[in-house]
Amino acid sequence: MGLRFFRYFIFFLGLILFGLGNAIAVNVKFLGLHPWEVLNVAMFQRFGMTIGTWNVICGLILVFIVFIIDKRYISVGTFFNALLIGPIMDFFLWLNILPHATEHLWLNLLILLSGVTITGIGGGMYVACGFGAGPRDGFMLSVSDKTGLSVSRARIVVETLVLIIGFILGGPVFVMTFIYTFIQSPVFQYSMKIIRTFIDSLDRKQKEQLEVPL
């Protein structure tokens, strides 16, 4: 029971960090954002509401599509991801306490890199808890299954299409858009590995304590 509570704590902390990282990156969006955020910002600029609201709308649409294509990639964590990251992001933007763009390029890059890093850490944390993939990852996994493409190629295809749509709608596409994943992915993998190893060690200790000595 205690371990499950801890996993949920880490899971929700990961979602908070993911939303925080996205909010930080949006403040220097002219340097370029991740393709999905390019789309969310474009929709916000075109149709109003908030960036986080569009994050939720896009996430729920993907959940619906994945539910039809392959229910295996839908879990409780998928819904939490779809419903919470956008509002968390909006909340941090509403607080207006995050660093904003400056006239110094190096400082703007530092702000963006901090956002990318925090997002990667948060993503690794919530995935490591084992409550399921987010709607975007679930969608890419289902595309991979149905098309026969590798997961990495399915990701490239999907994110390229999303980026093109976001660009056409006027989203912030620039240099960092094309190297975003190369920075975020290693941070994500390292964070996931550390948290998963830690959770596994706690699980082993809990099982050892429950064993009845002969």
C-alpha atoms as a PDB file:
ATOM      1  CA  MET A   1       0.000   0.000   0.000  1.00  0.00           C
ATOM      2  CA  GLY A   2       2.777   2.377   0.937  1.00  0.00           C
ATOM      3  CA  LEU A   3       4.692   1.680  -2.260  1.00  0.00           C
ATOM      4  CA  ARG A   4       1.606   2.236  -4.411  1.00  0.00           C
ATOM      5  CA  PHE A   5       0.982   5.567  -2.688  1.00  0.00           C
ATOM      6  CA  PHE A   6       4.614   6.505  -3.333  1.00  0.00           C
ATOM      7  CA  ARG A   7       4.272   5.586  -7.012  1.00  0.00           C
ATOM      8  CA  TYR A   8       1.217   7.809  -7.333  1.00  0.00           C
ATOM      9  CA  PHE A   9       3.109  10.615  -5.602  1.00  0.00           C
ATOM     10  CA  ILE A  10       5.999  10.312  -8.061  1.00  0.00           C
ATOM     11  CA  PHE A  11       3.543  10.016 -10.957  1.00  0.00           C
ATOM     12  CA  PHE A  12       1.731  13.250 -10.113  1.00  0.00           C
ATOM     13  CA  LEU A  13       4.993  15.025  -9.323  1.00  0.00           C
ATOM     14  CA  GLY A  14       6.180  13.989 -12.782  1.00  0.00           C
ATOM     15  CA  LEU A  15       3.037  15.471 -14.359  1.00  0.00           C
ATOM     16  CA  ILE A  16       3.601  18.725 -12.442  1.00  0.00           C
ATOM     17  CA  LEU A  17       7.207  18.944 -13.612  1.00  0.00           C
ATOM     18  CA  PHE A  18       6.164  18.146 -17.186  1.00  0.00           C
ATOM     19  CA  GLY A  19       3.599  20.967 -17.152  1.00  0.00           C
ATOM     20  CA  LEU A  20       6.093  23.326 -15.512  1.00  0.00           C
ATOM     21  CA  GLY A  21       8.751  22.584 -18.127  1.00  0.00           C
ATOM     22  CA  ASN A  22       6.287  23.228 -20.951  1.00  0.00           C
ATOM     23  CA  ALA A  23       5.236  26.523 -19.356  1.00  0.00           C
ATOM     24  CA  ILE A  24       8.861  27.660 -19.076  1.00  0.00           C
ATOM     25  CA  ALA A  25       9.529  26.769 -22.725  1.00  0.00           C
ATOM     26  CA  VAL A  26       6.429  28.653 -23.909  1.00  0.00           C
ATOM     27  CA  ASN A  27       7.822  31.881 -22.440  1.00  0.00           C
ATOM     28  CA  VAL A  28      10.641  31.737 -25.009  1.00  0.00           C
ATOM     29  CA  LYS A  29       8.607  30.080 -27.747  1.00  0.00           C
ATOM     30  CA  PHE A  30      10.148  32.216 -30.497  1.00  0.00           C
ATOM     31  CA  LEU A  31      13.206  29.932 -30.272  1.00  0.00           C
ATOM     32  CA  GLY A  32      11.002  26.997 -31.291  1.00  0.00           C
ATOM     33  CA  LEU A  33       8.966  24.420 -29.381  1.00  0.00           C
ATOM     34  CA  HIS A  34       8.294  20.698 -29.490  1.00  0.00           C
ATOM     35  CA  PRO A  35       5.936  19.832 -32.397  1.00  0.00           C
ATOM     36  CA  TRP A  36       2.969  19.110 -30.115  1.00  0.00           C
ATOM     37  CA  GLU A  37       3.429  22.431 -28.327  1.00  0.00           C
ATOM     38  CA  VAL A  38       3.802  24.184 -31.684  1.00  0.00           C
ATOM     39  CA  LEU A  39       0.323  22.879 -32.500  1.00  0.00           C
ATOM     40  CA  ASN A  40      -1.138  23.847 -29.105  1.00  0.00           C
ATOM     41  CA  VAL A  41       0.268  27.378 -29.332  1.00  0.00           C
ATOM     42  CA  ALA A  42      -0.962  27.704 -32.921  1.00  0.00           C
ATOM     43  CA  MET A  43      -4.483  26.682 -31.909  1.00  0.00           C
ATOM     44  CA  PHE A  44      -4.384  29.139 -29.005  1.00  0.00           C
ATOM     45  CA  GLN A  45      -3.276  31.989 -31.278  1.00  0.00           C
ATOM     46  CA  ARG A  46      -5.892  31.140 -33.901  1.00  0.00           C
ATOM     47  CA  PHE A  47      -8.927  30.247 -31.827  1.00  0.00           C
ATOM     48  CA  GLY A  48      -8.352  31.550 -28.305  1.00  0.00           C
ATOM     49  CA  MET A  49      -8.936  29.675 -25.021  1.00  0.00           C
ATOM     50  CA  THR A  50      -5.572  28.691 -23.452  1.00  0.00           C
ATOM     51  CA  ILE A  51      -2.551  26.673 -24.506  1.00  0.00           C
ATOM     52  CA  GLY A  52      -3.291  24.173 -21.747  1.00  0.00           C
ATOM     53  CA  THR A  53      -6.897  23.827 -22.890  1.00  0.00           C
ATOM     54  CA  TRP A  54      -5.734  22.882 -26.376  1.00  0.00           C
ATOM     55  CA  ASN A  55      -3.296  20.435 -24.788  1.00  0.00           C
ATOM     56  CA  VAL A  56      -6.275  18.753 -23.098  1.00  0.00           C
ATOM     57  CA  ILE A  57      -8.426  18.813 -26.252  1.00  0.00           C
ATOM     58  CA  CYS A  58      -5.681  17.291 -28.419  1.00  0.00           C
ATOM     59  CA  GLY A  59      -4.919  14.731 -25.714  1.00  0.00           C
ATOM     60  CA  LEU A  60      -8.547  13.604 -25.414  1.00  0.00           C
ATOM     61  CA  ILE A  61      -8.898  13.357 -29.191  1.00  0.00           C
ATOM     62  CA  LEU A  62      -5.848  11.087 -29.258  1.00  0.00           C
ATOM     63  CA  VAL A  63      -7.235   9.011 -26.374  1.00  0.00           C
ATOM     64  CA  PHE A  64     -10.451   8.506 -28.353  1.00  0.00           C
ATOM     65  CA  ILE A  65      -8.512   7.481 -31.480  1.00  0.00           C
ATOM     66  CA  VAL A  66      -6.284   5.074 -29.554  1.00  0.00           C
ATOM     67  CA  PHE A  67      -9.341   3.638 -27.778  1.00  0.00           C
ATOM     68  CA  ILE A  68     -10.767   2.732 -31.187  1.00  0.00           C
ATOM     69  CA  ILE A  69      -7.481   1.488 -32.668  1.00  0.00           C
ATOM     70  CA  ASP A  70      -5.917  -0.364 -29.746  1.00  0.00           C
ATOM     71  CA  LYS A  71      -7.279  -0.239 -26.175  1.00  0.00           C
ATOM     72  CA  ARG A  72      -4.067  -1.740 -24.792  1.00  0.00           C
ATOM     73  CA  TYR A  73      -2.473   1.692 -24.706  1.00  0.00           C
ATOM     74  CA  ILE A  74      -5.280   3.253 -22.655  1.00  0.00           C
ATOM     75  CA  SER A  75      -4.944   3.206 -18.860  1.00  0.00           C
ATOM     76  CA  VAL A  76      -5.684   5.374 -15.840  1.00  0.00           C
ATOM     77  CA  GLY A  77      -2.371   7.157 -16.325  1.00  0.00           C
ATOM     78  CA  THR A  78      -3.332   8.056 -19.896  1.00  0.00           C
ATOM     79  CA  PHE A  79      -6.402   9.973 -18.697  1.00  0.00           C
ATOM     80  CA  PHE A  80      -4.540  11.720 -15.890  1.00  0.00           C
ATOM     81  CA  ASN A  81      -1.898  12.772 -18.414  1.00  0.00           C
ATOM     82  CA  ALA A  82      -4.465  14.065 -20.900  1.00  0.00           C
ATOM     83  CA  LEU A  83      -6.505  15.952 -18.317  1.00  0.00           C
ATOM     84  CA  LEU A  84      -3.890  17.409 -15.959  1.00  0.00           C
ATOM     85  CA  ILE A  85      -0.771  18.539 -17.833  1.00  0.00           C
ATOM     86  CA  GLY A  86      -2.604  21.307 -19.704  1.00  0.00           C
ATOM     87  CA  PRO A  87      -4.190  22.876 -16.585  1.00  0.00           C
ATOM     88  CA  ILE A  88      -0.887  22.569 -14.702  1.00  0.00           C
ATOM     89  CA  MET A  89       0.829  24.396 -17.535  1.00  0.00           C
ATOM     90  CA  ASP A  90      -1.864  27.108 -17.578  1.00  0.00           C
ATOM     91  CA  PHE A  91      -1.593  27.480 -13.798  1.00  0.00           C
ATOM     92  CA  PHE A  92       2.147  28.191 -13.936  1.00  0.00           C
ATOM     93  CA  LEU A  93       1.651  30.638 -16.806  1.00  0.00           C
ATOM     94  CA  TRP A  94      -1.162  32.338 -14.861  1.00  0.00           C
ATOM     95  CA  LEU A  95       1.072  32.737 -11.793  1.00  0.00           C
ATOM     96  CA  ASN A  96       3.463  34.744 -13.983  1.00  0.00           C
ATOM     97  CA  ILE A  97       6.456  33.816 -11.828  1.00  0.00           C
ATOM     98  CA  LEU A  98       8.464  31.997 -14.479  1.00  0.00           C
ATOM     99  CA  PRO A  99      11.382  33.628 -16.315  1.00  0.00           C
ATOM    100  CA  HIS A 100      10.417  35.554 -19.431  1.00  0.00           C
ATOM    101  CA  ALA A 101      12.304  36.256 -22.650  1.00  0.00           C
ATOM    102  CA  THR A 102      15.150  38.743 -22.417  1.00  0.00           C
ATOM    103  CA  GLU A 103      17.259  40.636 -24.942  1.00  0.00           C
ATOM    104  CA  HIS A 104      20.115  38.172 -24.390  1.00  0.00           C
ATOM    105  CA  LEU A 105      20.073  35.128 -26.669  1.00  0.00           C
ATOM    106  CA  TRP A 106      22.222  33.008 -24.348  1.00  0.00           C
ATOM    107  CA  LEU A 107      19.840  33.650 -21.459  1.00  0.00           C
ATOM    108  CA  ASN A 108      16.805  32.813 -23.582  1.00  0.00           C
ATOM    109  CA  LEU A 109      18.486  29.565 -24.614  1.00  0.00           C
ATOM    110  CA  LEU A 110      19.218  28.800 -20.965  1.00  0.00           C
ATOM    111  CA  ILE A 111      15.550  29.363 -20.095  1.00  0.00           C
ATOM    112  CA  LEU A 112      14.423  27.061 -22.899  1.00  0.00           C
ATOM    113  CA  LEU A 113      16.968  24.372 -22.013  1.00  0.00           C
ATOM    114  CA  SER A 114      15.832  24.458 -18.389  1.00  0.00           C
ATOM    115  CA  GLY A 115      12.251  23.948 -19.577  1.00  0.00           C
ATOM    116  CA  VAL A 116      13.245  21.068 -21.845  1.00  0.00           C
ATOM    117  CA  THR A 117      15.246  19.440 -19.047  1.00  0.00           C
ATOM    118  CA  ILE A 118      12.449  19.758 -16.484  1.00  0.00           C
ATOM    119  CA  THR A 119       9.969  18.335 -18.991  1.00  0.00           C
ATOM    120  CA  GLY A 120      12.282  15.389 -19.674  1.00  0.00           C
ATOM    121  CA  ILE A 121      12.697  14.679 -15.964  1.00  0.00           C
ATOM    122  CA  GLY A 122       8.958  14.874 -15.379  1.00  0.00           C
ATOM    123  CA  GLY A 123       8.189  12.616 -18.338  1.00  0.00           C
ATOM    124  CA  GLY A 124      10.650  10.001 -17.140  1.00  0.00           C
ATOM    125  CA  MET A 125       9.159  10.123 -13.647  1.00  0.00           C
ATOM    126  CA  TYR A 126       5.548   9.524 -14.603  1.00  0.00           C
ATOM    127  CA  VAL A 127       6.354   6.815 -17.154  1.00  0.00           C
ATOM    128  CA  ALA A 128       8.584   4.975 -14.664  1.00  0.00           C
ATOM    129  CA  CYS A 129       5.645   4.580 -12.279  1.00  0.00           C
ATOM    130  CA  GLY A 130       3.988   2.146 -14.668  1.00  0.00           C
ATOM    131  CA  PHE A 131       0.526   3.690 -14.868  1.00  0.00           C
ATOM    132  CA  GLY A 132       0.530   3.751 -18.658  1.00  0.00           C
ATOM    133  CA  ALA A 133       1.673   5.875 -21.561  1.00  0.00           C
ATOM    134  CA  GLY A 134       0.445   9.393 -22.233  1.00  0.00           C
ATOM    135  CA  PRO A 135      -2.067   9.935 -25.053  1.00  0.00           C
ATOM    136  CA  ARG A 136       0.597  11.067 -27.524  1.00  0.00           C
ATOM    137  CA  ASP A 137       2.902   8.147 -26.789  1.00  0.00           C
ATOM    138  CA  GLY A 138      -0.030   5.737 -26.891  1.00  0.00           C
ATOM    139  CA  PHE A 139      -1.049   7.134 -30.267  1.00  0.00           C
ATOM    140  CA  MET A 140       2.466   6.699 -31.667  1.00  0.00           C
ATOM    141  CA  LEU A 141       2.681   3.153 -30.307  1.00  0.00           C
ATOM    142  CA  SER A 142      -0.646   2.251 -31.918  1.00  0.00           C
ATOM    143  CA  VAL A 143       0.482   3.799 -35.219  1.00  0.00           C
ATOM    144  CA  SER A 144       3.643   1.699 -34.985  1.00  0.00           C
ATOM    145  CA  ASP A 145       1.610  -1.467 -34.425  1.00  0.00           C
ATOM    146  CA  LYS A 146      -0.843  -0.823 -37.252  1.00  0.00           C
ATOM    147  CA  THR A 147       1.685   0.308 -39.874  1.00  0.00           C
ATOM    148  CA  GLY A 148       4.616  -1.946 -39.057  1.00  0.00           C
ATOM    149  CA  LEU A 149       6.898   1.046 -38.592  1.00  0.00           C
ATOM    150  CA  SER A 150       9.386   1.065 -35.749  1.00  0.00           C
ATOM    151  CA  VAL A 151       8.379   3.213 -32.773  1.00  0.00           C
ATOM    152  CA  SER A 152      11.080   5.775 -33.602  1.00  0.00           C
ATOM    153  CA  ARG A 153       9.927   6.036 -37.220  1.00  0.00           C
ATOM    154  CA  ALA A 154       6.285   6.259 -36.182  1.00  0.00           C
ATOM    155  CA  ARG A 155       7.256   9.092 -33.830  1.00  0.00           C
ATOM    156  CA  ILE A 156       9.076  10.907 -36.634  1.00  0.00           C
ATOM    157  CA  VAL A 157       6.109  10.547 -39.004  1.00  0.00           C
ATOM    158  CA  VAL A 158       3.514  11.639 -36.446  1.00  0.00           C
ATOM    159  CA  GLU A 159       5.513  14.562 -35.059  1.00  0.00           C
ATOM    160  CA  THR A 160       6.420  15.744 -38.557  1.00  0.00           C
ATOM    161  CA  LEU A 161       2.739  15.838 -39.536  1.00  0.00           C
ATOM    162  CA  VAL A 162       1.866  17.631 -36.289  1.00  0.00           C
ATOM    163  CA  LEU A 163       4.679  20.115 -36.896  1.00  0.00           C
ATOM    164  CA  ILE A 164       3.504  20.836 -40.453  1.00  0.00           C
ATOM    165  CA  ILE A 165      -0.053  21.461 -39.249  1.00  0.00           C
ATOM    166  CA  GLY A 166       1.197  23.688 -36.431  1.00  0.00           C
ATOM    167  CA  PHE A 167       3.450  25.601 -38.810  1.00  0.00           C
ATOM    168  CA  ILE A 168       0.634  26.163 -41.314  1.00  0.00           C
ATOM    169  CA  LEU A 169      -1.524  27.512 -38.477  1.00  0.00           C
ATOM    170  CA  GLY A 170       1.242  29.910 -37.464  1.00  0.00           C
ATOM    171  CA  GLY A 171       2.852  28.055 -34.568  1.00  0.00           C
ATOM    172  CA  PRO A 172       6.355  28.930 -33.280  1.00  0.00           C
ATOM    173  CA  VAL A 173       8.733  26.839 -35.398  1.00  0.00           C
ATOM    174  CA  PHE A 174      12.429  27.703 -35.223  1.00  0.00           C
ATOM    175  CA  VAL A 175      15.840  26.126 -34.701  1.00  0.00           C
ATOM    176  CA  MET A 176      15.117  24.578 -31.292  1.00  0.00           C
ATOM    177  CA  THR A 177      12.065  22.793 -32.696  1.00  0.00           C
ATOM    178  CA  PHE A 178      14.362  20.481 -34.650  1.00  0.00           C
ATOM    179  CA  ILE A 179      16.748  19.681 -31.801  1.00  0.00           C
ATOM    180  CA  TYR A 180      14.183  19.656 -28.975  1.00  0.00           C
ATOM    181  CA  THR A 181      13.790  15.865 -28.966  1.00  0.00           C
ATOM    182  CA  PHE A 182      17.554  15.251 -29.086  1.00  0.00           C
ATOM    183  CA  ILE A 183      17.866  17.109 -25.776  1.00  0.00           C
ATOM    184  CA  GLN A 184      14.692  15.929 -24.090  1.00  0.00           C
ATOM    185  CA  SER A 185      14.895  12.216 -24.947  1.00  0.00           C
ATOM    186  CA  PRO A 186      18.207  11.449 -23.130  1.00  0.00           C
ATOM    187  CA  VAL A 187      17.001  13.345 -20.042  1.00  0.00           C
ATOM    188  CA  PHE A 188      13.723  11.405 -20.205  1.00  0.00           C
ATOM    189  CA  GLN A 189      15.506   8.048 -20.507  1.00  0.00           C
ATOM    190  CA  TYR A 190      17.924   8.802 -17.647  1.00  0.00           C
ATOM    191  CA  SER A 191      15.138  10.049 -15.360  1.00  0.00           C
ATOM    192  CA  MET A 192      12.977   7.011 -16.135  1.00  0.00           C
ATOM    193  CA  LYS A 193      15.876   4.626 -15.476  1.00  0.00           C
ATOM    194  CA  ILE A 194      16.717   6.173 -12.095  1.00  0.00           C
ATOM    195  CA  ILE A 195      13.114   6.301 -10.857  1.00  0.00           C
ATOM    196  CA  ARG A 196      12.300   2.803 -12.125  1.00  0.00           C
ATOM    197  CA  THR A 197      15.416   1.380 -10.449  1.00  0.00           C
ATOM    198  CA  PHE A 198      14.496   3.112  -7.196  1.00  0.00           C
ATOM    199  CA  ILE A 199      10.894   1.847  -7.301  1.00  0.00           C
ATOM    200  CA  ASP A 200      12.078  -1.698  -8.096  1.00  0.00           C
ATOM    201  CA  SER A 201      14.455  -1.608  -5.123  1.00  0.00           C
ATOM    202  CA  LEU A 202      11.632  -0.484  -2.815  1.00  0.00           C
ATOM    203  CA  ASP A 203       9.429  -3.237  -4.221  1.00  0.00           C
ATOM    204  CA  ARG A 204      12.085  -5.872  -3.481  1.00  0.00           C
ATOM    205  CA  LYS A 205      12.558  -4.595   0.070  1.00  0.00           C
ATOM    206  CA  GLN A 206       8.800  -4.644   0.654  1.00  0.00           C
ATOM    207  CA  LYS A 207       8.547  -8.238  -0.580  1.00  0.00           C
ATOM    208  CA  GLU A 208      11.478  -9.285   1.637  1.00  0.00           C
ATOM    209  CA  GLN A 209       9.767  -7.766   4.679  1.00  0.00           C
ATOM    210  CA  LEU A 210       6.537  -9.640   3.892  1.00  0.00           C
ATOM    211  CA  GLU A 211       8.268 -12.998   3.585  1.00  0.00           C
ATOM    212  CA  VAL A 212       7.575 -15.271   6.521  1.00  0.00           C
ATOM    213  CA  PRO A 213      10.800 -16.811   7.897  1.00  0.00           C
ATOM    214  CA  LEU A 214      10.885 -20.599   8.037  1.00  0.00           C
END
